[in-house]
Amino acid sequence: MTISEFEFGKTRIMAEARAALRRIGIEYHCVMFDVHSSQPLPEGATLTVTAEGNSISGWFPADEIEDSRDRVARADVRQKIAGLVAGVKEAAA
């Protein structure tokens, strides 16, 4: 079974969000994607970041996810991740 670029991208983005949370001292967290369809080629997915009882979600189009399959290099994707992490930190404060 092969993993699609979409699936690879989701794992890279989730890893980046987890690393960002750890950098700001939040060790206990949950990061997950919700794909809103069962189609083989979804239009995108919602990333939810939960920490200290607070959740923040953001939409990532399929092209942003697929472009992150090797590493999260796109500035717009990094900014979205940073915004979600900052939102969780602010809500927890």
N, C-alpha and C. Protein backbone atom coordinates (compact mmCIF):
# COMPACT_ATOMS: atom_id res chain seq x y z
N MET A 1 0.85 -1.18 0.00
CA MET A 1 0.00 0.00 0.00
C MET A 1 0.89 1.25 0.00
N THR A 2 0.60 2.15 -0.90
CA THR A 2 1.36 3.39 -0.97
C THR A 2 0.58 4.51 -0.30
N ILE A 3 1.31 5.45 0.23
CA ILE A 3 0.68 6.60 0.87
C ILE A 3 0.70 7.76 -0.11
N SER A 4 -0.42 8.44 -0.24
CA SER A 4 -0.53 9.54 -1.20
C SER A 4 0.22 10.78 -0.71
N GLU A 5 0.48 11.69 -1.64
CA GLU A 5 1.11 12.96 -1.29
C GLU A 5 0.27 13.71 -0.27
N PHE A 6 -1.05 13.58 -0.39
CA PHE A 6 -1.97 14.23 0.55
C PHE A 6 -1.73 13.70 1.97
N GLU A 7 -1.63 12.38 2.12
CA GLU A 7 -1.41 11.78 3.43
C GLU A 7 -0.04 12.15 3.98
N PHE A 8 0.99 12.12 3.14
CA PHE A 8 2.32 12.54 3.56
C PHE A 8 2.30 13.98 4.04
N GLY A 9 1.64 14.85 3.29
CA GLY A 9 1.56 16.26 3.65
C GLY A 9 0.87 16.46 4.99
N LYS A 10 -0.21 15.72 5.22
CA LYS A 10 -0.91 15.84 6.51
C LYS A 10 0.02 15.48 7.66
N THR A 11 0.79 14.42 7.51
CA THR A 11 1.68 14.02 8.61
C THR A 11 2.77 15.06 8.83
N ARG A 12 3.30 15.65 7.76
CA ARG A 12 4.33 16.68 7.91
C ARG A 12 3.78 17.92 8.62
N ILE A 13 2.59 18.34 8.23
CA ILE A 13 1.98 19.53 8.85
C ILE A 13 1.69 19.25 10.32
N MET A 14 1.17 18.08 10.65
CA MET A 14 0.90 17.75 12.06
C MET A 14 2.20 17.72 12.85
N ALA A 15 3.26 17.18 12.29
CA ALA A 15 4.55 17.14 12.98
C ALA A 15 5.08 18.55 13.23
N GLU A 16 4.90 19.42 12.25
CA GLU A 16 5.34 20.81 12.40
C GLU A 16 4.56 21.50 13.52
N ALA A 17 3.25 21.26 13.59
CA ALA A 17 2.43 21.85 14.65
C ALA A 17 2.85 21.31 16.03
N ARG A 18 3.11 20.02 16.12
CA ARG A 18 3.56 19.43 17.39
C ARG A 18 4.90 20.05 17.83
N ALA A 19 5.81 20.20 16.89
CA ALA A 19 7.11 20.79 17.22
C ALA A 19 6.95 22.23 17.69
N ALA A 20 6.08 22.98 17.05
CA ALA A 20 5.84 24.37 17.44
C ALA A 20 5.25 24.44 18.85
N LEU A 21 4.34 23.53 19.17
CA LEU A 21 3.77 23.49 20.52
C LEU A 21 4.84 23.18 21.56
N ARG A 22 5.70 22.24 21.25
CA ARG A 22 6.79 21.89 22.19
C ARG A 22 7.75 23.05 22.39
N ARG A 23 8.01 23.80 21.30
CA ARG A 23 8.92 24.94 21.41
C ARG A 23 8.41 26.00 22.37
N ILE A 24 7.09 26.12 22.51
CA ILE A 24 6.53 27.12 23.43
C ILE A 24 6.17 26.50 24.78
N GLY A 25 6.60 25.26 24.99
CA GLY A 25 6.43 24.64 26.30
C GLY A 25 5.14 23.88 26.53
N ILE A 26 4.38 23.61 25.49
CA ILE A 26 3.15 22.84 25.63
C ILE A 26 3.45 21.40 25.21
N GLU A 27 3.64 20.54 26.20
CA GLU A 27 4.01 19.15 25.94
C GLU A 27 2.79 18.26 25.70
N TYR A 28 1.71 18.54 26.38
CA TYR A 28 0.52 17.69 26.28
C TYR A 28 -0.49 18.33 25.34
N HIS A 29 -0.69 17.71 24.20
CA HIS A 29 -1.54 18.31 23.17
C HIS A 29 -2.07 17.22 22.24
N CYS A 30 -3.00 17.62 21.40
CA CYS A 30 -3.54 16.74 20.37
C CYS A 30 -3.59 17.55 19.08
N VAL A 31 -3.07 16.95 18.01
CA VAL A 31 -3.08 17.59 16.70
C VAL A 31 -3.66 16.57 15.73
N MET A 32 -4.74 16.95 15.04
CA MET A 32 -5.34 15.99 14.10
C MET A 32 -5.98 16.71 12.93
N PHE A 33 -6.04 15.99 11.82
CA PHE A 33 -6.71 16.48 10.62
C PHE A 33 -8.06 15.78 10.49
N ASP A 34 -9.03 16.51 10.00
CA ASP A 34 -10.34 15.95 9.68
C ASP A 34 -10.60 16.22 8.20
N VAL A 35 -10.68 15.16 7.44
CA VAL A 35 -10.99 15.27 6.01
C VAL A 35 -12.49 15.11 5.88
N HIS A 36 -13.14 16.06 5.26
CA HIS A 36 -14.60 16.12 5.25
C HIS A 36 -15.25 15.38 4.09
N SER A 37 -14.60 14.35 3.61
CA SER A 37 -15.20 13.57 2.53
C SER A 37 -14.52 12.22 2.46
N SER A 38 -15.14 11.33 1.76
CA SER A 38 -14.54 10.02 1.57
C SER A 38 -14.01 9.87 0.15
N GLN A 39 -13.92 10.96 -0.56
CA GLN A 39 -13.42 10.94 -1.92
C GLN A 39 -11.93 10.63 -1.94
N PRO A 40 -11.44 10.00 -2.98
CA PRO A 40 -10.01 9.74 -3.04
C PRO A 40 -9.17 11.01 -3.15
N LEU A 41 -9.73 12.08 -3.67
CA LEU A 41 -9.00 13.35 -3.80
C LEU A 41 -9.80 14.47 -3.12
N PRO A 42 -9.67 14.60 -1.81
CA PRO A 42 -10.43 15.64 -1.09
C PRO A 42 -9.92 17.04 -1.45
N GLU A 43 -10.77 18.03 -1.21
CA GLU A 43 -10.43 19.42 -1.50
C GLU A 43 -9.50 20.01 -0.45
N GLY A 44 -9.40 19.37 0.69
CA GLY A 44 -8.55 19.86 1.77
C GLY A 44 -8.96 19.19 3.07
N ALA A 45 -8.49 19.76 4.16
CA ALA A 45 -8.79 19.19 5.47
C ALA A 45 -8.66 20.27 6.53
N THR A 46 -9.32 20.03 7.66
CA THR A 46 -9.26 20.94 8.79
C THR A 46 -8.27 20.40 9.81
N LEU A 47 -7.31 21.22 10.20
CA LEU A 47 -6.36 20.86 11.24
C LEU A 47 -6.88 21.43 12.56
N THR A 48 -7.00 20.58 13.56
CA THR A 48 -7.42 21.02 14.89
C THR A 48 -6.26 20.80 15.85
N VAL A 49 -5.92 21.85 16.58
CA VAL A 49 -4.86 21.81 17.58
C VAL A 49 -5.54 22.01 18.93
N THR A 50 -5.34 21.05 19.83
CA THR A 50 -5.94 21.12 21.16
C THR A 50 -4.84 21.03 22.22
N ALA A 51 -4.90 21.94 23.17
CA ALA A 51 -3.95 21.92 24.28
C ALA A 51 -4.58 22.61 25.47
N GLU A 52 -4.36 22.04 26.63
CA GLU A 52 -4.84 22.61 27.88
C GLU A 52 -6.33 22.94 27.82
N GLY A 53 -7.11 22.06 27.21
CA GLY A 53 -8.55 22.21 27.15
C GLY A 53 -9.07 23.17 26.11
N ASN A 54 -8.22 23.71 25.27
CA ASN A 54 -8.62 24.67 24.25
C ASN A 54 -8.31 24.12 22.86
N SER A 55 -9.23 24.36 21.92
CA SER A 55 -9.05 23.89 20.55
C SER A 55 -9.16 25.04 19.57
N ILE A 56 -8.31 25.00 18.58
CA ILE A 56 -8.33 25.96 17.48
C ILE A 56 -8.24 25.15 16.19
N SER A 57 -9.04 25.53 15.19
CA SER A 57 -9.05 24.80 13.92
C SER A 57 -8.78 25.74 12.75
N GLY A 58 -8.19 25.17 11.71
CA GLY A 58 -7.93 25.94 10.50
C GLY A 58 -7.99 25.05 9.27
N TRP A 59 -8.45 25.60 8.17
CA TRP A 59 -8.63 24.87 6.92
C TRP A 59 -7.35 24.94 6.09
N PHE A 60 -6.93 23.80 5.55
CA PHE A 60 -5.79 23.71 4.65
C PHE A 60 -6.27 23.12 3.33
N PRO A 61 -6.20 23.87 2.23
CA PRO A 61 -6.57 23.32 0.93
C PRO A 61 -5.63 22.17 0.53
N ALA A 62 -6.10 21.32 -0.33
CA ALA A 62 -5.34 20.13 -0.75
C ALA A 62 -3.97 20.50 -1.31
N ASP A 63 -3.87 21.59 -2.08
CA ASP A 63 -2.57 21.93 -2.67
C ASP A 63 -1.55 22.29 -1.60
N GLU A 64 -1.97 22.96 -0.53
CA GLU A 64 -1.06 23.28 0.56
C GLU A 64 -0.59 22.00 1.27
N ILE A 65 -1.51 21.08 1.44
CA ILE A 65 -1.17 19.82 2.10
C ILE A 65 -0.21 19.01 1.24
N GLU A 66 -0.54 18.86 -0.03
CA GLU A 66 0.31 18.06 -0.93
C GLU A 66 1.69 18.69 -1.12
N ASP A 67 1.79 20.01 -1.13
CA ASP A 67 3.08 20.68 -1.27
C ASP A 67 3.96 20.48 -0.03
N SER A 68 3.38 20.02 1.07
CA SER A 68 4.12 19.82 2.31
C SER A 68 4.58 18.38 2.49
N ARG A 69 4.47 17.56 1.45
CA ARG A 69 4.74 16.13 1.58
C ARG A 69 6.17 15.82 2.01
N ASP A 70 7.15 16.62 1.57
CA ASP A 70 8.54 16.38 1.94
C ASP A 70 8.95 17.20 3.16
N ARG A 71 8.52 18.44 3.17
CA ARG A 71 8.76 19.32 4.32
C ARG A 71 7.81 20.51 4.18
N VAL A 72 7.56 21.17 5.29
CA VAL A 72 6.66 22.32 5.26
C VAL A 72 7.50 23.54 4.90
N ALA A 73 7.50 23.88 3.62
CA ALA A 73 8.35 24.96 3.12
C ALA A 73 7.56 26.21 2.75
N ARG A 74 6.28 26.04 2.44
CA ARG A 74 5.49 27.20 2.02
C ARG A 74 5.26 28.15 3.18
N ALA A 75 5.53 29.42 2.95
CA ALA A 75 5.37 30.42 4.01
C ALA A 75 3.93 30.52 4.49
N ASP A 76 2.96 30.42 3.57
CA ASP A 76 1.56 30.53 3.98
C ASP A 76 1.14 29.37 4.88
N VAL A 77 1.68 28.19 4.63
CA VAL A 77 1.35 27.04 5.47
C VAL A 77 1.99 27.21 6.84
N ARG A 78 3.24 27.65 6.87
CA ARG A 78 3.92 27.88 8.16
C ARG A 78 3.19 28.95 8.97
N GLN A 79 2.69 30.00 8.31
CA GLN A 79 1.96 31.05 9.02
C GLN A 79 0.65 30.53 9.59
N LYS A 80 -0.04 29.67 8.86
CA LYS A 80 -1.28 29.08 9.37
C LYS A 80 -1.00 28.24 10.61
N ILE A 81 0.05 27.42 10.55
CA ILE A 81 0.41 26.59 11.69
C ILE A 81 0.75 27.48 12.89
N ALA A 82 1.56 28.50 12.66
CA ALA A 82 1.95 29.42 13.74
C ALA A 82 0.72 30.12 14.33
N GLY A 83 -0.22 30.49 13.49
CA GLY A 83 -1.44 31.13 13.97
C GLY A 83 -2.29 30.21 14.84
N LEU A 84 -2.38 28.95 14.44
CA LEU A 84 -3.14 27.99 15.25
C LEU A 84 -2.46 27.76 16.60
N VAL A 85 -1.13 27.61 16.58
CA VAL A 85 -0.39 27.40 17.82
C VAL A 85 -0.50 28.62 18.73
N ALA A 86 -0.38 29.81 18.17
CA ALA A 86 -0.51 31.04 18.96
C ALA A 86 -1.92 31.16 19.53
N GLY A 87 -2.91 30.76 18.75
CA GLY A 87 -4.29 30.81 19.24
C GLY A 87 -4.53 29.89 20.43
N VAL A 88 -3.95 28.70 20.37
CA VAL A 88 -4.07 27.77 21.50
C VAL A 88 -3.34 28.31 22.72
N LYS A 89 -2.15 28.87 22.51
CA LYS A 89 -1.40 29.43 23.62
C LYS A 89 -2.15 30.59 24.28
N GLU A 90 -2.71 31.45 23.44
CA GLU A 90 -3.46 32.60 23.96
C GLU A 90 -4.71 32.15 24.71
N ALA A 91 -5.42 31.16 24.18
CA ALA A 91 -6.63 30.67 24.85
C ALA A 91 -6.30 30.00 26.18
N ALA A 92 -5.11 29.39 26.27
CA ALA A 92 -4.72 28.70 27.48
C ALA A 92 -4.21 29.66 28.56
N ALA A 93 -3.81 30.87 28.15
CA ALA A 93 -3.24 31.83 29.10
C ALA A 93 -4.28 32.43 30.01
